[in-house]
Amino acid sequence: MLDLQRLRALHAVSVHGTVGAAAAALGFTPSAVSQQIAKLERETRTVLLEREGRGVRLTDEAWHLAATARELMTLVERAETRLEERRGVPAGRLTVAAFASAARGLLPSVLADLAARHPALDARLTEVDPHLSVDLVAKGAVDLVVAHDWDIAPLPAPAGVEQAWIGDDLCDLLVPEGHRFAGRAAVRRAELGGERWICQPPGRVCHDWLLRTLRGAGHEPDIVHQADENPTLVALVAAGLGVALIPRLGRGPLPAGVVEVPLDPMPVRRLYALWRTGAARRPAIAETVRTLREHWPTVSAHAAPTVPPSHGPTPA
């Protein structure tokens, strides 16, 4: 009989692409994941992973087995959801994925609250890029995702995935002290031409939003510095090397030499929780979504009150 944990390890590699990334998602070491798959190869008498450069690739047989593993995990999830629902209390392991600033600015207090109130719940966090997170929850690699979109780039939810609005995060223009915009009550987007921009690399949601916004206002952005983390972007602004549009969540206090200036209209990114439809009735999902919403006003007291958009139900 095939071992479910070994199938889970193979499925994780198929979703995340590498043994290391699969191990991080599962909370194991890469060696442990490799051992699980090696045992699965012996059980099935089939080669599942082949070396490719410094990494590995799944064989055709492995892809078929990974698809079956996903079906089995869906059945297990359904059974666990029914048991947890009958007990009426959040319990078991809950894997949560979130983008960087939410993992830093929102999830610590949420996870601590869940641990204090629900000792039978084992919630575990993984930081992922928002471009990847929806696919991860759809494929069953994680149970719940905290993702975001922008006002001009809505977040798609594939079939079988539900979502609930958490809150709106505002975004400000950060400029060096002494900049022509410093001290302004607000800056219109049409005035942003000719600036030297600091932003995240291509492919990131924030980068794409900046390009679309400035081009929509008739400006081709001159991006001079790129970095993944918001604290690095703020440090570059503090050094007088350019300006940046940075959301408030997880940003922290601004250092000396950096001035926050509102844009008119102010950019907004919306935060969502997403989960698979099959797990919607799981108490752990419902309680985590409720706790995320409960903590949002505390961690983002500066966020403007808004009416949540209609993008799907909150779990019962």
Protein backbone atom coordinates (compact mmCIF):
# COMPACT_ATOMS: atom_id res chain seq x y z
CA MET A 1 0.00 0.00 0.00
CA LEU A 2 1.32 3.45 -0.90
CA ASP A 3 2.18 5.71 2.01
CA LEU A 4 0.22 8.98 2.04
CA GLN A 5 3.07 11.03 3.50
CA ARG A 6 5.37 9.90 0.71
CA LEU A 7 2.74 10.79 -1.86
CA ARG A 8 2.38 14.17 -0.17
CA ALA A 9 6.13 14.74 -0.53
CA LEU A 10 6.01 13.93 -4.24
CA HIS A 11 3.00 16.19 -4.74
CA ALA A 12 4.83 19.03 -2.98
CA VAL A 13 7.82 18.69 -5.32
CA SER A 14 5.47 18.74 -8.32
CA VAL A 15 3.86 21.95 -7.07
CA HIS A 16 6.93 23.83 -5.79
CA GLY A 17 9.41 22.64 -8.42
CA THR A 18 12.34 21.72 -6.17
CA VAL A 19 13.00 19.43 -3.24
CA GLY A 20 14.16 22.39 -1.15
CA ALA A 21 11.03 24.43 -1.79
CA ALA A 22 8.82 21.40 -1.13
CA ALA A 23 10.63 20.78 2.14
CA ALA A 24 10.13 24.39 3.24
CA ALA A 25 6.41 24.17 2.48
CA LEU A 26 5.99 20.89 4.35
CA GLY A 27 8.11 21.92 7.32
CA PHE A 28 10.69 19.18 6.71
CA THR A 29 14.35 19.14 5.75
CA PRO A 30 15.27 18.57 2.09
CA SER A 31 16.94 15.33 3.18
CA ALA A 32 13.69 14.09 4.74
CA VAL A 33 11.74 14.84 1.55
CA SER A 34 14.36 13.10 -0.58
CA GLN A 35 14.19 10.05 1.70
CA GLN A 36 10.38 9.94 1.44
CA ILE A 37 10.54 9.99 -2.35
CA ALA A 38 13.34 7.40 -2.43
CA LYS A 39 11.14 5.06 -0.35
CA LEU A 40 8.23 5.75 -2.70
CA GLU A 41 10.44 4.83 -5.66
CA ARG A 42 11.30 1.52 -4.00
CA GLU A 43 7.62 0.86 -3.20
CA THR A 44 6.49 1.58 -6.75
CA ARG A 45 9.63 0.20 -8.44
CA THR A 46 9.58 3.36 -10.51
CA VAL A 47 12.04 6.19 -11.09
CA LEU A 48 10.23 9.37 -9.99
CA LEU A 49 12.94 12.05 -9.94
CA GLU A 50 15.81 12.53 -12.36
CA ARG A 51 18.77 14.86 -12.05
CA GLU A 52 18.61 17.96 -14.24
CA GLY A 53 21.53 20.33 -13.77
CA ARG A 54 21.62 21.24 -10.09
CA GLY A 55 17.97 20.34 -9.61
CA VAL A 56 15.59 17.52 -10.38
CA ARG A 57 12.68 16.92 -12.70
CA LEU A 58 9.70 14.61 -12.35
CA THR A 59 9.43 11.70 -14.75
CA ASP A 60 6.20 11.09 -16.66
CA GLU A 61 5.30 8.35 -14.18
CA ALA A 62 5.88 10.79 -11.31
CA TRP A 63 3.49 13.35 -12.79
CA HIS A 64 0.76 10.73 -13.06
CA LEU A 65 1.39 9.61 -9.48
CA ALA A 66 1.42 13.23 -8.24
CA ALA A 67 -2.00 13.80 -9.85
CA THR A 68 -3.34 10.76 -8.03
CA ALA A 69 -1.74 12.00 -4.81
CA ARG A 70 -3.64 15.26 -5.17
CA GLU A 71 -6.93 13.37 -5.51
CA LEU A 72 -6.14 11.32 -2.40
CA MET A 73 -5.25 14.43 -0.40
CA THR A 74 -8.54 16.00 -1.45
CA LEU A 75 -10.37 12.99 -0.03
CA VAL A 76 -8.34 13.15 3.18
CA GLU A 77 -9.04 16.87 3.47
CA ARG A 78 -12.76 16.21 3.07
CA ALA A 79 -12.69 13.59 5.82
CA GLU A 80 -10.69 15.82 8.16
CA THR A 81 -13.04 18.73 7.48
CA ARG A 82 -16.07 16.63 8.37
CA LEU A 83 -14.50 15.43 11.62
CA GLU A 84 -13.41 18.93 12.60
CA GLU A 85 -16.84 20.29 11.72
CA ARG A 86 -18.53 17.68 13.94
CA ARG A 87 -16.26 18.63 16.84
CA GLY A 88 -17.03 22.29 16.21
CA VAL A 89 -13.58 23.56 17.21
CA PRO A 90 -10.51 24.50 15.13
CA ALA A 91 -8.00 21.65 15.25
CA GLY A 92 -5.26 19.93 13.32
CA ARG A 93 -2.59 21.42 11.06
CA LEU A 94 -3.39 24.52 9.03
CA THR A 95 -0.81 25.67 6.49
CA VAL A 96 -0.97 29.38 5.71
CA ALA A 97 0.89 31.23 2.95
CA ALA A 98 1.22 35.02 2.82
CA PHE A 99 3.13 37.66 0.89
CA ALA A 100 6.09 39.33 2.61
CA SER A 101 4.56 42.46 4.16
CA ALA A 102 1.51 40.53 5.42
CA ALA A 103 3.79 37.84 6.86
CA ARG A 104 5.65 40.61 8.68
CA GLY A 105 2.91 43.08 9.56
CA LEU A 106 -0.26 41.00 10.04
CA LEU A 107 0.33 37.28 10.52
CA PRO A 108 2.48 37.31 13.69
CA SER A 109 -0.31 38.72 15.85
CA VAL A 110 -2.94 36.56 14.12
CA LEU A 111 -0.98 33.32 14.60
CA ALA A 112 -0.20 34.17 18.23
CA ASP A 113 -3.88 34.83 18.89
CA LEU A 114 -4.91 31.55 17.25
CA ALA A 115 -2.33 29.61 19.27
CA ALA A 116 -3.55 31.15 22.53
CA ARG A 117 -7.25 30.58 21.87
CA HIS A 118 -7.09 27.24 20.06
CA PRO A 119 -4.30 24.99 21.39
CA ALA A 120 -5.51 22.06 19.25
CA LEU A 121 -4.84 24.09 16.09
CA ASP A 122 -1.33 23.89 14.61
CA ALA A 123 -1.14 26.86 12.23
CA ARG A 124 2.08 27.16 10.20
CA LEU A 125 3.18 30.07 8.00
CA THR A 126 5.10 30.12 4.73
CA GLU A 127 6.05 33.36 2.96
CA VAL A 128 5.34 33.29 -0.79
CA ASP A 129 5.01 35.74 -3.66
CA PRO A 130 1.36 36.71 -4.28
CA HIS A 131 1.72 35.66 -7.93
CA LEU A 132 2.26 32.07 -6.75
CA SER A 133 -0.02 31.85 -3.74
CA VAL A 134 -3.40 31.37 -5.46
CA ASP A 135 -2.03 28.46 -7.49
CA LEU A 136 -0.62 26.88 -4.32
CA VAL A 137 -3.96 26.87 -2.55
CA ALA A 138 -5.77 25.66 -5.67
CA LYS A 139 -3.39 22.70 -5.96
CA GLY A 140 -3.71 21.81 -2.29
CA ALA A 141 -0.14 22.74 -1.36
CA VAL A 142 -1.40 25.07 1.40
CA ASP A 143 -4.74 25.36 3.21
CA LEU A 144 -5.20 29.13 3.26
CA VAL A 145 -3.56 32.05 1.51
CA VAL A 146 -3.35 35.75 2.34
CA ALA A 147 -2.88 37.52 -0.99
CA HIS A 148 -3.47 40.98 -2.41
CA ASP A 149 -4.41 42.78 -5.57
CA TRP A 150 -4.44 46.41 -6.69
CA ASP A 151 -7.30 48.65 -7.70
CA ILE A 152 -6.33 48.33 -11.38
CA ALA A 153 -5.36 44.62 -11.31
CA PRO A 154 -8.03 42.39 -9.67
CA LEU A 155 -6.99 39.09 -8.10
CA PRO A 156 -8.34 36.09 -10.06
CA ALA A 157 -9.78 33.18 -8.09
CA PRO A 158 -9.80 29.90 -10.07
CA ALA A 159 -12.60 27.38 -9.92
CA GLY A 160 -12.69 25.56 -6.61
CA VAL A 161 -11.20 28.46 -4.65
CA GLU A 162 -13.18 30.89 -2.51
CA GLN A 163 -12.03 34.20 -1.09
CA ALA A 164 -12.99 36.75 1.53
CA TRP A 165 -11.92 40.38 1.80
CA ILE A 166 -9.75 41.24 4.81
CA GLY A 167 -9.11 44.97 4.37
CA ASP A 168 -7.63 47.73 2.24
CA ASP A 169 -3.98 48.75 2.50
CA LEU A 170 -3.11 52.28 1.41
CA CYS A 171 0.02 53.18 -0.53
CA ASP A 172 2.04 56.40 -0.23
CA LEU A 173 4.68 58.15 -2.30
CA LEU A 174 7.96 58.20 -0.37
CA VAL A 175 10.45 60.93 -1.29
CA PRO A 176 13.77 62.12 0.14
CA GLU A 177 13.70 65.10 2.46
CA GLY A 178 14.08 68.26 0.36
CA HIS A 179 12.39 66.73 -2.68
CA ARG A 180 10.04 68.97 -4.66
CA PHE A 181 7.04 66.98 -3.38
CA ALA A 182 8.08 67.02 0.30
CA GLY A 183 5.57 68.98 2.35
CA ARG A 184 2.82 68.76 -0.27
CA ALA A 185 -0.69 67.91 0.97
CA ALA A 186 -1.10 65.59 -2.03
CA VAL A 187 0.45 64.84 -5.43
CA ARG A 188 -1.54 64.01 -8.55
CA ARG A 189 -0.44 61.09 -10.70
CA ALA A 190 -0.06 63.39 -13.69
CA GLU A 191 2.81 65.14 -11.84
CA LEU A 192 4.97 62.02 -11.47
CA GLY A 193 6.87 62.33 -14.75
CA GLY A 194 10.63 62.74 -14.71
CA GLU A 195 11.22 60.96 -11.39
CA ARG A 196 13.87 58.32 -10.72
CA TRP A 197 11.95 55.32 -9.38
CA ILE A 198 12.83 52.64 -6.85
CA CYS A 199 10.64 49.52 -6.93
CA GLN A 200 10.45 45.76 -6.82
CA PRO A 201 11.76 43.65 -9.75
CA PRO A 202 9.69 42.82 -12.85
CA GLY A 203 7.06 40.16 -12.35
CA ARG A 204 6.08 41.44 -8.92
CA VAL A 205 2.60 42.87 -8.46
CA CYS A 206 3.93 46.22 -7.21
CA HIS A 207 6.26 46.57 -10.21
CA ASP A 208 3.47 45.84 -12.66
CA TRP A 209 1.16 48.27 -10.89
CA LEU A 210 3.75 51.07 -11.08
CA LEU A 211 4.26 50.56 -14.82
CA ARG A 212 0.55 50.50 -15.58
CA THR A 213 -0.23 53.48 -13.38
CA LEU A 214 2.48 55.77 -14.72
CA ARG A 215 1.92 54.78 -18.33
CA GLY A 216 -1.78 55.41 -17.81
CA ALA A 217 -0.86 58.94 -16.72
CA GLY A 218 1.30 59.41 -19.82
CA HIS A 219 4.73 58.77 -18.23
CA GLU A 220 7.33 56.11 -18.98
CA PRO A 221 8.91 55.31 -15.58
CA ASP A 222 12.68 55.55 -15.20
CA ILE A 223 13.36 52.65 -12.80
CA VAL A 224 16.88 53.05 -11.48
CA HIS A 225 16.96 50.67 -8.48
CA GLN A 226 15.14 47.39 -7.78
CA ALA A 227 14.91 45.33 -4.60
CA ASP A 228 12.59 42.66 -3.21
CA GLU A 229 12.03 43.95 0.32
CA ASN A 230 10.25 47.18 1.24
CA PRO A 231 12.80 48.09 3.97
CA THR A 232 15.50 48.07 1.27
CA LEU A 233 13.38 50.31 -0.95
CA VAL A 234 12.88 52.75 1.95
CA ALA A 235 16.63 52.76 2.67
CA LEU A 236 17.34 53.67 -0.95
CA VAL A 237 14.87 56.55 -0.73
CA ALA A 238 16.51 57.70 2.52
CA ALA A 239 19.83 57.81 0.67
CA GLY A 240 18.32 60.27 -1.81
CA LEU A 241 18.50 57.84 -4.74
CA GLY A 242 14.93 58.14 -5.96
CA VAL A 243 11.26 57.95 -5.02
CA ALA A 244 9.05 54.93 -4.34
CA LEU A 245 5.40 53.93 -3.98
CA ILE A 246 5.19 51.66 -0.93
CA PRO A 247 2.15 50.21 0.90
CA ARG A 248 1.76 50.91 4.60
CA LEU A 249 1.29 47.33 5.86
CA GLY A 250 4.48 46.04 7.44
CA ARG A 251 6.42 49.15 6.40
CA GLY A 252 7.28 50.27 9.94
CA PRO A 253 8.37 53.75 11.03
CA LEU A 254 10.05 55.78 8.32
CA PRO A 255 13.71 56.67 8.90
CA ALA A 256 15.04 60.21 9.04
CA GLY A 257 15.31 61.75 5.61
CA VAL A 258 12.19 60.09 4.16
CA VAL A 259 8.92 62.00 3.72
CA GLU A 260 5.51 60.39 3.14
CA VAL A 261 3.30 62.19 0.61
CA PRO A 262 -0.27 61.09 -0.28
CA LEU A 263 -1.17 60.53 -3.91
CA ASP A 264 -4.44 61.79 -5.36
CA PRO A 265 -6.17 59.42 -5.92
CA MET A 266 -4.48 57.25 -3.32
CA PRO A 267 -3.44 53.77 -4.52
CA VAL A 268 -5.14 50.89 -2.71
CA ARG A 269 -4.31 47.22 -2.54
CA ARG A 270 -6.94 44.85 -1.19
CA LEU A 271 -6.07 41.92 1.04
CA TYR A 272 -7.92 38.61 0.72
CA ALA A 273 -7.97 35.22 2.37
CA LEU A 274 -8.37 32.32 -0.07
CA TRP A 275 -9.13 28.65 0.57
CA ARG A 276 -10.38 25.63 -1.34
CA THR A 277 -14.13 25.21 -1.58
CA GLY A 278 -13.86 21.71 -0.15
CA ALA A 279 -12.45 23.14 3.11
CA ALA A 280 -14.92 26.01 3.42
CA ARG A 281 -16.80 24.43 6.33
CA ARG A 282 -13.66 23.63 8.30
CA PRO A 283 -13.74 25.54 11.62
CA ALA A 284 -9.99 26.28 11.37
CA ILE A 285 -10.54 28.15 8.09
CA ALA A 286 -13.49 30.14 9.40
CA GLU A 287 -11.69 31.05 12.63
CA THR A 288 -8.51 32.11 10.83
CA VAL A 289 -10.43 34.35 8.43
CA ARG A 290 -12.33 35.87 11.36
CA THR A 291 -9.08 36.49 13.25
CA LEU A 292 -7.43 38.08 10.22
CA ARG A 293 -10.33 40.53 9.93
CA GLU A 294 -10.33 41.16 13.67
CA HIS A 295 -6.63 42.08 13.71
CA TRP A 296 -6.65 44.16 10.53
CA PRO A 297 -7.84 47.44 12.14
CA THR A 298 -5.15 47.08 14.82
CA VAL A 299 -2.18 46.50 12.49
CA SER A 300 -3.45 48.98 9.92
CA ALA A 301 -5.19 51.70 11.90
CA HIS A 302 -4.31 54.12 9.11
CA ALA A 303 -6.32 52.16 6.51
CA ALA A 304 -9.42 53.97 5.32
CA PRO A 305 -12.72 52.27 6.17
CA THR A 306 -14.20 50.74 3.04
CA VAL A 307 -17.05 48.50 2.04
CA PRO A 308 -15.79 45.00 1.24
CA PRO A 309 -16.12 44.04 -2.42
CA SER A 310 -18.27 41.04 -3.28
CA HIS A 311 -15.77 38.33 -4.28
CA GLY A 312 -17.15 35.22 -2.64
CA PRO A 313 -18.44 34.02 0.72
CA THR A 314 -16.84 34.00 4.10
CA PRO A 315 -16.51 30.42 5.37
CA ALA A 316 -19.39 29.35 7.58
